[in-house]
N, C-alpha and C. Protein backbone atom coordinates (compact mmCIF):
# COMPACT_ATOMS: atom_id res chain seq x y z
N MET A 1 0.84 -1.12 -0.04
CA MET A 1 0.01 -0.09 0.10
C MET A 1 0.93 1.21 0.12
N SER A 2 0.50 2.24 -0.82
CA SER A 2 1.47 3.34 -1.10
C SER A 2 0.86 4.52 -0.26
N LYS A 3 1.43 5.52 0.06
CA LYS A 3 0.84 6.67 0.70
C LYS A 3 0.14 7.41 -0.32
N LEU A 4 0.24 7.15 -1.54
CA LEU A 4 -0.54 7.68 -2.63
C LEU A 4 -1.81 7.15 -3.09
N ASP A 5 -2.26 6.06 -2.27
CA ASP A 5 -3.34 5.49 -2.82
C ASP A 5 -4.69 6.23 -2.68
N PHE A 6 -4.52 7.28 -1.89
CA PHE A 6 -5.76 8.16 -1.85
C PHE A 6 -6.07 8.90 -3.18
N ILE A 7 -5.12 9.04 -4.06
CA ILE A 7 -5.40 9.43 -5.29
C ILE A 7 -6.11 8.74 -6.36
N ALA A 8 -7.27 8.71 -6.58
CA ALA A 8 -7.76 7.83 -7.45
C ALA A 8 -7.62 8.06 -9.00
N ASP A 9 -7.13 9.25 -9.34
CA ASP A 9 -6.50 9.52 -10.60
C ASP A 9 -5.35 8.72 -10.79
N VAL A 10 -5.42 7.51 -11.56
CA VAL A 10 -4.36 6.76 -11.84
C VAL A 10 -3.23 7.32 -12.55
N THR A 11 -3.45 8.37 -13.43
CA THR A 11 -2.38 9.10 -14.26
C THR A 11 -1.65 10.05 -13.36
N LEU A 12 -2.39 10.83 -12.53
CA LEU A 12 -1.85 11.65 -11.68
C LEU A 12 -0.92 11.12 -10.64
N ARG A 13 -1.54 10.09 -10.21
CA ARG A 13 -0.72 9.26 -9.10
C ARG A 13 0.73 8.54 -9.71
N GLY A 14 0.52 8.12 -10.91
CA GLY A 14 1.87 7.73 -11.57
C GLY A 14 2.81 8.77 -11.85
N ILE A 15 2.36 9.93 -12.31
CA ILE A 15 3.11 11.18 -12.47
C ILE A 15 3.82 11.55 -11.10
N ILE A 16 3.03 11.54 -9.98
CA ILE A 16 3.64 11.94 -8.79
C ILE A 16 4.63 10.77 -8.35
N GLU A 17 4.28 9.77 -8.59
CA GLU A 17 5.25 8.57 -8.01
C GLU A 17 6.58 8.56 -8.65
N ASN A 18 6.48 8.81 -10.17
CA ASN A 18 7.46 9.07 -10.90
C ASN A 18 8.30 10.06 -10.54
N SER A 19 7.72 11.27 -10.16
CA SER A 19 8.52 12.49 -9.70
C SER A 19 9.17 12.28 -8.32
N ILE A 20 8.53 11.68 -7.58
CA ILE A 20 9.30 11.25 -6.23
C ILE A 20 10.43 10.47 -6.41
N ASN A 21 10.27 9.39 -7.29
CA ASN A 21 11.57 8.59 -7.57
C ASN A 21 12.51 9.43 -8.27
N TYR A 22 12.17 10.38 -9.21
CA TYR A 22 13.26 11.27 -9.87
C TYR A 22 13.88 12.08 -8.75
N ILE A 23 13.08 12.81 -8.04
CA ILE A 23 13.79 13.64 -6.96
C ILE A 23 14.61 13.00 -5.92
N TRP A 24 14.27 11.67 -5.70
CA TRP A 24 15.23 10.85 -4.75
C TRP A 24 16.49 10.50 -5.36
N LEU A 25 16.49 10.17 -6.78
CA LEU A 25 17.67 10.02 -7.51
C LEU A 25 18.50 11.26 -7.48
N LEU A 26 17.88 12.48 -7.85
CA LEU A 26 18.55 13.46 -7.84
C LEU A 26 19.25 13.98 -6.34
N PHE A 27 18.50 13.59 -5.51
CA PHE A 27 19.07 13.93 -4.11
C PHE A 27 20.24 13.13 -3.98
N GLU A 28 20.35 11.88 -4.18
CA GLU A 28 21.30 11.00 -3.92
C GLU A 28 22.68 11.55 -4.69
N GLU A 29 22.37 11.88 -6.05
CA GLU A 29 23.46 12.38 -6.87
C GLU A 29 23.87 13.74 -6.08
N ALA A 30 23.05 14.67 -5.88
CA ALA A 30 23.61 15.99 -5.29
C ALA A 30 24.50 15.82 -3.93
N LYS A 31 24.27 14.55 -3.34
CA LYS A 31 25.05 14.33 -2.07
C LYS A 31 26.67 13.96 -2.50
N LYS A 32 26.77 13.56 -3.59
CA LYS A 32 27.98 12.88 -3.83
C LYS A 32 29.23 14.16 -3.89
N GLU A 33 30.33 13.90 -3.06
CA GLU A 33 31.36 14.78 -2.97
C GLU A 33 32.11 15.17 -4.29
N GLU A 34 32.12 14.40 -5.34
CA GLU A 34 32.72 14.67 -6.56
C GLU A 34 32.01 15.69 -7.37
N ARG A 35 30.75 15.98 -6.96
CA ARG A 35 29.76 16.85 -7.62
C ARG A 35 30.37 18.44 -7.44
N ASN A 36 30.41 19.36 -8.45
CA ASN A 36 30.83 20.60 -8.03
C ASN A 36 29.73 21.31 -7.43
N GLN A 37 29.99 22.62 -6.79
CA GLN A 37 29.06 23.26 -6.03
C GLN A 37 27.74 23.73 -6.82
N LEU A 38 28.16 24.16 -8.16
CA LEU A 38 27.06 24.65 -9.10
C LEU A 38 26.29 23.47 -9.32
N TYR A 39 26.49 22.35 -9.61
CA TYR A 39 25.67 21.23 -9.83
C TYR A 39 24.84 20.74 -8.85
N LYS A 40 25.52 20.93 -7.51
CA LYS A 40 24.60 20.59 -6.20
C LYS A 40 23.64 21.71 -6.02
N GLU A 41 23.88 22.88 -6.25
CA GLU A 41 22.99 23.81 -6.06
C GLU A 41 21.76 23.82 -6.95
N GLU A 42 22.23 23.75 -8.23
CA GLU A 42 21.05 23.67 -9.21
C GLU A 42 20.17 22.25 -9.23
N THR A 43 20.94 21.33 -8.77
CA THR A 43 19.96 20.02 -8.59
C THR A 43 19.25 20.15 -7.27
N ARG A 44 19.58 20.81 -6.42
CA ARG A 44 18.81 21.05 -5.19
C ARG A 44 17.62 22.04 -5.38
N ARG A 45 17.91 23.01 -6.25
CA ARG A 45 16.79 23.96 -6.72
C ARG A 45 15.58 23.06 -7.60
N VAL A 46 16.20 22.13 -8.57
CA VAL A 46 15.22 21.32 -9.26
C VAL A 46 14.35 20.22 -8.28
N ILE A 47 15.17 19.76 -7.15
CA ILE A 47 14.43 18.91 -6.26
C ILE A 47 13.28 19.66 -5.75
N ILE A 48 13.56 20.95 -5.19
CA ILE A 48 12.58 21.84 -4.57
C ILE A 48 11.49 22.15 -5.61
N LEU A 49 11.81 22.54 -6.76
CA LEU A 49 10.77 22.74 -7.85
C LEU A 49 9.87 21.63 -7.88
N TYR A 50 10.30 20.34 -7.90
CA TYR A 50 9.52 19.14 -8.15
C TYR A 50 8.68 18.94 -6.88
N THR A 51 9.45 18.99 -5.66
CA THR A 51 8.69 18.69 -4.49
C THR A 51 7.42 19.69 -4.34
N ILE A 52 7.80 20.87 -4.47
CA ILE A 52 6.61 21.89 -4.28
C ILE A 52 5.51 21.83 -5.43
N SER A 53 5.83 21.48 -6.54
CA SER A 53 4.95 21.12 -7.48
C SER A 53 4.11 19.85 -7.27
N ILE A 54 4.58 18.88 -6.62
CA ILE A 54 3.97 17.65 -6.16
C ILE A 54 2.92 18.16 -5.12
N ILE A 55 3.34 18.90 -3.93
CA ILE A 55 2.48 19.50 -3.04
C ILE A 55 1.22 20.36 -3.58
N GLU A 56 1.68 21.02 -4.65
CA GLU A 56 0.59 21.86 -5.35
C GLU A 56 -0.37 20.96 -6.23
N ALA A 57 -0.10 19.80 -6.80
CA ALA A 57 -0.78 19.00 -7.37
C ALA A 57 -1.64 18.20 -6.43
N VAL A 58 -1.11 17.84 -5.27
CA VAL A 58 -2.01 17.09 -4.25
C VAL A 58 -3.07 18.11 -3.83
N LEU A 59 -2.69 19.34 -3.43
CA LEU A 59 -3.58 20.32 -2.93
C LEU A 59 -4.82 20.57 -3.86
N LEU A 60 -4.39 20.78 -5.19
CA LEU A 60 -5.29 20.94 -6.16
C LEU A 60 -6.38 19.69 -6.46
N TYR A 61 -5.64 18.51 -6.23
CA TYR A 61 -6.46 17.33 -6.29
C TYR A 61 -7.34 17.39 -5.15
N LEU A 62 -6.93 17.77 -3.88
CA LEU A 62 -7.80 17.74 -2.76
C LEU A 62 -9.08 18.76 -3.11
N TYR A 63 -8.66 19.85 -3.53
CA TYR A 63 -9.59 20.91 -3.86
C TYR A 63 -10.73 20.50 -4.91
N LYS A 64 -10.25 19.69 -5.92
CA LYS A 64 -11.30 19.24 -6.68
C LYS A 64 -12.21 18.13 -6.32
N GLU A 65 -11.49 17.16 -5.38
CA GLU A 65 -12.18 16.14 -4.89
C GLU A 65 -13.22 16.46 -3.87
N ARG A 66 -12.87 17.51 -3.14
CA ARG A 66 -13.92 18.00 -2.25
C ARG A 66 -15.09 18.74 -2.93
N GLY A 67 -14.78 19.25 -4.17
CA GLY A 67 -15.93 19.93 -4.80
C GLY A 67 -15.83 21.24 -4.39
N GLU A 68 -14.59 21.85 -3.88
CA GLU A 68 -14.65 23.19 -3.41
C GLU A 68 -14.77 24.15 -4.62
N GLU A 69 -14.95 25.55 -4.28
CA GLU A 69 -15.10 26.49 -5.23
C GLU A 69 -14.43 27.68 -4.74
N MET A 70 -13.46 28.35 -5.30
CA MET A 70 -12.96 29.69 -5.25
C MET A 70 -13.66 30.67 -5.96
N ILE A 71 -14.10 31.85 -5.40
CA ILE A 71 -14.79 32.68 -6.27
C ILE A 71 -14.00 34.13 -6.24
N PHE A 72 -14.01 34.71 -7.55
CA PHE A 72 -13.56 35.96 -7.77
C PHE A 72 -14.54 36.85 -8.29
N SER A 73 -14.35 38.27 -8.32
CA SER A 73 -15.34 39.08 -8.73
C SER A 73 -14.95 39.68 -9.97
N GLU A 74 -15.70 39.54 -10.85
CA GLU A 74 -15.53 40.03 -12.40
C GLU A 74 -16.50 41.30 -12.60
N TYR A 75 -15.87 42.27 -13.19
CA TYR A 75 -16.49 43.49 -13.40
C TYR A 75 -16.89 43.62 -14.83
N LYS A 76 -18.02 43.93 -15.04
CA LYS A 76 -18.65 43.91 -16.41
C LYS A 76 -19.21 45.29 -16.73
N HIS A 77 -19.33 45.73 -17.90
CA HIS A 77 -19.87 46.90 -18.45
C HIS A 77 -19.56 48.31 -17.54
N PRO A 78 -18.31 48.41 -17.43
CA PRO A 78 -17.92 49.63 -16.58
C PRO A 78 -18.23 50.85 -17.34
N HIS A 79 -18.54 51.95 -16.51
CA HIS A 79 -19.01 53.26 -17.04
C HIS A 79 -18.25 54.36 -16.22
N ASN A 80 -17.64 55.15 -16.76
CA ASN A 80 -16.88 56.31 -16.14
C ASN A 80 -17.90 57.39 -15.86
N LEU A 81 -17.74 57.79 -14.51
CA LEU A 81 -18.63 58.80 -14.15
C LEU A 81 -17.84 60.19 -14.65
N PRO A 82 -18.47 61.29 -14.88
CA PRO A 82 -17.89 62.61 -15.15
C PRO A 82 -16.85 62.90 -14.06
N ARG A 83 -15.91 63.95 -14.48
CA ARG A 83 -14.71 64.16 -13.73
C ARG A 83 -15.07 64.86 -12.40
N GLU A 84 -16.36 65.45 -12.47
CA GLU A 84 -16.67 66.18 -11.08
C GLU A 84 -16.91 65.34 -10.02
N TYR A 85 -17.06 63.90 -10.43
CA TYR A 85 -17.23 62.92 -9.20
C TYR A 85 -15.77 62.35 -9.08
N ASN A 86 -15.65 62.54 -7.78
CA ASN A 86 -14.05 62.11 -7.53
C ASN A 86 -14.09 61.67 -6.06
N HIS A 87 -13.21 60.78 -5.72
CA HIS A 87 -12.82 60.22 -4.42
C HIS A 87 -12.01 61.19 -3.54
N LYS A 88 -12.68 61.56 -2.49
CA LYS A 88 -11.90 62.63 -1.53
C LYS A 88 -10.46 62.31 -1.26
N ASP A 89 -10.00 61.10 -1.13
CA ASP A 89 -8.63 60.73 -0.97
C ASP A 89 -7.79 60.51 -2.16
N ASN A 90 -8.47 60.45 -3.31
CA ASN A 90 -7.77 60.17 -4.44
C ASN A 90 -8.55 61.10 -5.62
N PRO A 91 -8.43 62.27 -5.61
CA PRO A 91 -9.19 63.10 -6.39
C PRO A 91 -8.75 63.14 -8.01
N ASP A 92 -7.38 62.63 -8.20
CA ASP A 92 -6.95 62.44 -9.49
C ASP A 92 -7.28 61.33 -10.29
N PHE A 93 -7.89 60.42 -9.78
CA PHE A 93 -8.32 59.10 -10.25
C PHE A 93 -9.89 59.19 -10.51
N GLY A 94 -10.25 58.66 -11.81
CA GLY A 94 -11.55 58.58 -12.20
C GLY A 94 -12.48 57.54 -11.42
N ILE A 95 -13.57 57.92 -11.26
CA ILE A 95 -14.60 56.86 -10.73
C ILE A 95 -15.48 55.98 -11.70
N VAL A 96 -15.44 54.85 -11.42
CA VAL A 96 -16.19 53.82 -12.33
C VAL A 96 -17.26 53.21 -11.63
N ILE A 97 -18.36 52.98 -12.38
CA ILE A 97 -19.54 52.12 -11.92
C ILE A 97 -19.46 50.83 -13.10
N ALA A 98 -19.59 49.72 -12.24
CA ALA A 98 -19.68 48.56 -13.12
C ALA A 98 -20.55 47.59 -12.50
N VAL A 99 -20.84 46.47 -13.27
CA VAL A 99 -21.69 45.37 -12.68
C VAL A 99 -20.73 44.33 -12.17
N ARG A 100 -20.70 44.00 -10.96
CA ARG A 100 -19.99 42.91 -10.18
C ARG A 100 -20.68 41.45 -10.37
N LYS A 101 -19.88 40.63 -10.81
CA LYS A 101 -20.51 39.23 -11.12
C LYS A 101 -19.29 38.46 -10.36
N ASN A 102 -19.88 37.61 -9.34
CA ASN A 102 -18.96 36.61 -8.78
C ASN A 102 -18.98 35.41 -9.44
N CYS A 103 -17.69 34.91 -9.87
CA CYS A 103 -17.53 33.67 -10.73
C CYS A 103 -16.69 32.74 -10.03
N LYS A 104 -16.88 31.46 -10.41
CA LYS A 104 -15.96 30.47 -9.96
C LYS A 104 -14.54 30.57 -10.61
N THR A 105 -13.60 30.53 -9.82
CA THR A 105 -12.11 30.58 -10.31
C THR A 105 -11.92 29.36 -11.19
N PRO A 106 -11.48 29.45 -12.44
CA PRO A 106 -11.17 28.22 -13.09
C PRO A 106 -9.85 27.67 -12.76
N ASP A 107 -9.65 26.32 -12.66
CA ASP A 107 -8.58 25.67 -12.34
C ASP A 107 -7.39 26.14 -12.67
N HIS A 108 -7.24 26.38 -14.00
CA HIS A 108 -6.02 26.91 -14.41
C HIS A 108 -5.39 28.17 -13.82
N LYS A 109 -6.18 29.06 -13.14
CA LYS A 109 -6.03 30.16 -12.48
C LYS A 109 -5.69 30.06 -10.95
N ILE A 110 -5.83 28.91 -10.50
CA ILE A 110 -5.47 28.53 -9.08
C ILE A 110 -4.03 28.20 -8.88
N GLY A 111 -3.51 28.96 -8.20
CA GLY A 111 -1.88 28.54 -7.88
C GLY A 111 -1.68 28.19 -6.48
N LEU A 112 -0.51 27.89 -6.22
CA LEU A 112 -0.26 27.28 -4.87
C LEU A 112 -0.62 28.21 -3.70
N TYR A 113 -0.37 29.55 -3.96
CA TYR A 113 -0.70 30.50 -2.96
C TYR A 113 -2.16 30.42 -2.59
N ASN A 114 -2.77 30.43 -3.57
CA ASN A 114 -4.37 30.46 -3.62
C ASN A 114 -4.72 29.11 -2.90
N LEU A 115 -4.37 28.01 -3.20
CA LEU A 115 -4.66 26.79 -2.45
C LEU A 115 -4.18 26.76 -0.99
N VAL A 116 -3.06 27.25 -0.67
CA VAL A 116 -2.61 27.33 0.68
C VAL A 116 -3.38 28.19 1.52
N SER A 117 -3.66 29.51 0.94
CA SER A 117 -4.55 30.34 1.73
C SER A 117 -6.03 29.88 1.81
N PHE A 118 -6.66 29.27 0.91
CA PHE A 118 -7.99 28.68 0.93
C PHE A 118 -7.93 27.64 2.02
N PHE A 119 -7.18 26.78 1.89
CA PHE A 119 -7.18 25.51 2.90
C PHE A 119 -6.79 25.94 4.31
N GLU A 120 -5.89 26.94 4.47
CA GLU A 120 -5.66 27.57 5.75
C GLU A 120 -6.70 28.37 6.55
N LYS A 121 -7.70 28.93 5.54
CA LYS A 121 -8.88 29.55 6.10
C LYS A 121 -9.85 28.44 6.58
N LYS A 122 -9.87 27.36 5.85
CA LYS A 122 -10.94 26.27 5.96
C LYS A 122 -10.16 25.41 7.25
N LYS A 123 -9.08 25.65 7.83
CA LYS A 123 -8.33 24.98 8.89
C LYS A 123 -8.09 23.53 8.54
N ILE A 124 -7.68 23.39 7.22
CA ILE A 124 -7.25 22.06 6.56
C ILE A 124 -5.80 22.03 6.66
N ILE A 125 -5.11 23.31 6.48
CA ILE A 125 -3.78 23.49 6.75
C ILE A 125 -3.44 24.34 7.73
N LYS A 126 -2.51 23.81 8.54
CA LYS A 126 -2.11 24.84 9.73
C LYS A 126 -1.41 26.02 9.37
N GLU A 127 -1.41 27.04 10.08
CA GLU A 127 -0.55 28.15 9.85
C GLU A 127 0.86 27.92 9.70
N ASP A 128 1.51 27.24 10.50
CA ASP A 128 2.82 26.88 10.31
C ASP A 128 3.28 26.10 9.04
N THR A 129 2.29 25.30 8.73
CA THR A 129 2.52 24.50 7.46
C THR A 129 2.24 25.23 6.33
N ALA A 130 1.38 26.29 6.40
CA ALA A 130 1.29 27.26 5.17
C ALA A 130 2.45 27.97 5.16
N LYS A 131 2.87 28.53 6.17
CA LYS A 131 4.31 29.28 5.99
C LYS A 131 5.38 28.54 5.35
N LYS A 132 5.59 27.20 5.90
CA LYS A 132 6.53 26.46 5.31
C LYS A 132 6.41 26.17 3.87
N ILE A 133 5.21 25.84 3.42
CA ILE A 133 4.82 25.67 2.08
C ILE A 133 5.39 26.87 1.26
N LEU A 134 4.78 28.12 1.69
CA LEU A 134 5.11 29.43 0.86
C LEU A 134 6.63 29.82 0.94
N GLU A 135 7.24 29.43 1.96
CA GLU A 135 8.76 29.69 2.00
C GLU A 135 9.44 28.78 1.00
N ALA A 136 9.07 27.52 0.93
CA ALA A 136 9.59 26.56 -0.11
C ALA A 136 9.40 26.99 -1.54
N ASN A 137 8.18 27.59 -1.52
CA ASN A 137 7.63 28.02 -2.99
C ASN A 137 8.53 29.29 -3.36
N GLU A 138 8.95 30.11 -2.38
CA GLU A 138 9.83 31.13 -2.89
C GLU A 138 11.14 30.63 -3.39
N VAL A 139 11.56 29.45 -2.92
CA VAL A 139 12.62 28.83 -3.46
C VAL A 139 12.40 28.52 -4.91
N ARG A 140 11.25 27.73 -4.99
CA ARG A 140 10.83 27.16 -6.39
C ARG A 140 10.89 28.49 -7.32
N ASN A 141 10.42 29.59 -6.80
CA ASN A 141 10.23 30.78 -7.71
C ASN A 141 11.77 31.44 -8.27
N THR A 142 12.61 30.80 -7.70
CA THR A 142 13.89 31.30 -8.14
C THR A 142 14.17 30.80 -9.62
N PHE A 143 13.38 29.84 -10.03
CA PHE A 143 13.62 29.43 -11.46
C PHE A 143 13.13 30.49 -12.45
N HIS A 144 12.37 31.59 -11.92
CA HIS A 144 12.16 32.69 -12.69
C HIS A 144 13.41 33.57 -12.68
N PHE A 145 13.91 33.66 -13.66
CA PHE A 145 15.43 34.31 -13.81
C PHE A 145 15.42 35.71 -13.37
N HIS A 146 14.28 36.36 -13.35
CA HIS A 146 14.17 37.72 -12.79
C HIS A 146 14.19 37.74 -11.20
N LYS A 147 13.89 36.60 -10.57
CA LYS A 147 13.79 36.57 -9.12
C LYS A 147 15.19 36.40 -8.55
N PRO A 148 15.34 37.28 -7.26
CA PRO A 148 16.59 37.13 -6.91
C PRO A 148 16.96 35.93 -6.00
N ARG A 149 18.13 35.48 -6.12
CA ARG A 149 18.44 34.08 -5.61
C ARG A 149 19.33 34.09 -4.42
N GLU A 150 19.80 35.44 -4.05
CA GLU A 150 20.83 35.66 -3.04
C GLU A 150 20.28 35.12 -1.70
N LYS A 151 18.87 35.24 -1.40
CA LYS A 151 18.34 34.80 -0.06
C LYS A 151 17.91 33.38 -0.01
N ALA A 152 17.78 32.66 -1.20
CA ALA A 152 17.33 31.34 -1.27
C ALA A 152 18.65 30.47 -0.76
N VAL A 153 18.06 29.37 -0.02
CA VAL A 153 19.06 28.41 0.59
C VAL A 153 18.78 27.10 -0.19
N PHE A 154 19.94 26.53 -0.61
CA PHE A 154 19.75 25.32 -1.43
C PHE A 154 20.63 24.24 -0.79
N ASP A 155 20.80 24.29 0.49
CA ASP A 155 21.40 23.13 1.21
C ASP A 155 20.75 21.88 1.47
N ILE A 156 21.32 20.90 1.93
CA ILE A 156 20.81 19.49 2.21
C ILE A 156 19.48 19.77 3.21
N ASN A 157 19.89 20.45 4.10
CA ASN A 157 18.76 20.77 5.34
C ASN A 157 17.48 21.08 4.67
N LYS A 158 17.68 22.31 3.84
CA LYS A 158 16.49 22.72 2.93
C LYS A 158 15.47 21.63 2.34
N ILE A 159 16.62 20.79 1.55
CA ILE A 159 15.88 19.53 0.86
C ILE A 159 15.17 18.73 1.71
N GLU A 160 15.94 18.40 2.92
CA GLU A 160 15.27 17.62 3.84
C GLU A 160 14.08 18.18 4.41
N ASP A 161 14.02 19.34 4.71
CA ASP A 161 12.70 19.98 5.25
C ASP A 161 11.59 19.90 4.19
N THR A 162 12.03 20.12 3.12
CA THR A 162 11.08 20.17 1.99
C THR A 162 10.33 18.74 1.86
N PHE A 163 11.27 17.67 1.75
CA PHE A 163 10.81 16.42 1.84
C PHE A 163 9.88 16.06 2.87
N LYS A 164 10.23 16.44 4.19
CA LYS A 164 9.43 16.25 5.37
C LYS A 164 7.88 17.08 5.10
N LEU A 165 8.04 18.10 4.48
CA LEU A 165 6.71 18.77 4.34
C LEU A 165 5.80 18.01 3.34
N LEU A 166 6.51 17.48 2.45
CA LEU A 166 5.77 16.59 1.28
C LEU A 166 5.22 15.42 1.92
N VAL A 167 6.03 14.75 2.90
CA VAL A 167 5.54 13.56 3.58
C VAL A 167 4.23 13.81 4.43
N TYR A 168 4.43 15.12 5.14
CA TYR A 168 3.32 15.48 5.94
C TYR A 168 2.06 15.69 5.31
N ILE A 169 2.19 16.42 4.02
CA ILE A 169 1.06 16.69 3.21
C ILE A 169 0.37 15.39 2.69
N LEU A 170 1.38 14.45 2.23
CA LEU A 170 0.96 13.12 1.86
C LEU A 170 0.16 12.31 2.94
N GLU A 171 0.84 12.30 4.05
CA GLU A 171 0.06 11.52 5.03
C GLU A 171 -1.17 12.22 5.75
N ASN A 172 -1.36 13.38 5.47
CA ASN A 172 -2.62 14.15 6.19
C ASN A 172 -3.64 14.41 5.14
N THR A 173 -3.32 14.39 3.82
CA THR A 173 -4.36 14.75 2.90
C THR A 173 -5.59 13.86 2.76
N PRO A 174 -5.49 12.62 3.06
CA PRO A 174 -6.51 11.53 2.78
C PRO A 174 -7.80 12.01 3.79
N ARG A 175 -7.40 12.39 5.04
CA ARG A 175 -8.43 12.62 5.99
C ARG A 175 -9.25 13.84 5.70
N PHE A 176 -8.79 14.65 4.74
CA PHE A 176 -9.78 15.71 4.41
C PHE A 176 -10.29 15.53 3.04
N LEU A 177 -10.35 14.37 2.40
CA LEU A 177 -10.89 14.38 1.23
C LEU A 177 -12.31 14.49 1.10
N LYS A 178 -13.12 14.00 2.12
CA LYS A 178 -14.51 14.36 2.25
C LYS A 178 -14.79 15.59 3.08
N LYS A 179 -15.72 16.42 2.48
CA LYS A 179 -16.06 17.78 3.15
C LYS A 179 -16.67 17.48 4.51
């Protein structure tokens, strides 16, 4: 029996299993003394990228399986009021009237931050767990070349902490599958 058996989607479960096997192999390679520092650092970043991506996939799966809905406001038919109408604190900005429509957020617009915040509000993710996930996500975001890397930590301890976080998510997700 696997820790992933709670994922009924066989394709998703297979992708996650393969990714876990891959990051474990990378982890073992990155520990080798003969590897240069650049190799170790970049490999550790890849490990974090995969690990946080797995956490995100599990949380999105949980979201879908529970039939949850995130709502956002969409504004339709905007109409600018004449310039004599202004806001007392922002007189240089125009005032607009629009029709607000609440819509379900499409899955492709739901990111890790949204999922973590959503489940934290529902008391499914603890505050400290949410913080750890979002901190690890900041490391994942260093793959965007315009993001600063100076503050990111790519050592073995960070990798092990991220693995522990993944195990924690995998162990605890099944109990929240039912609303």
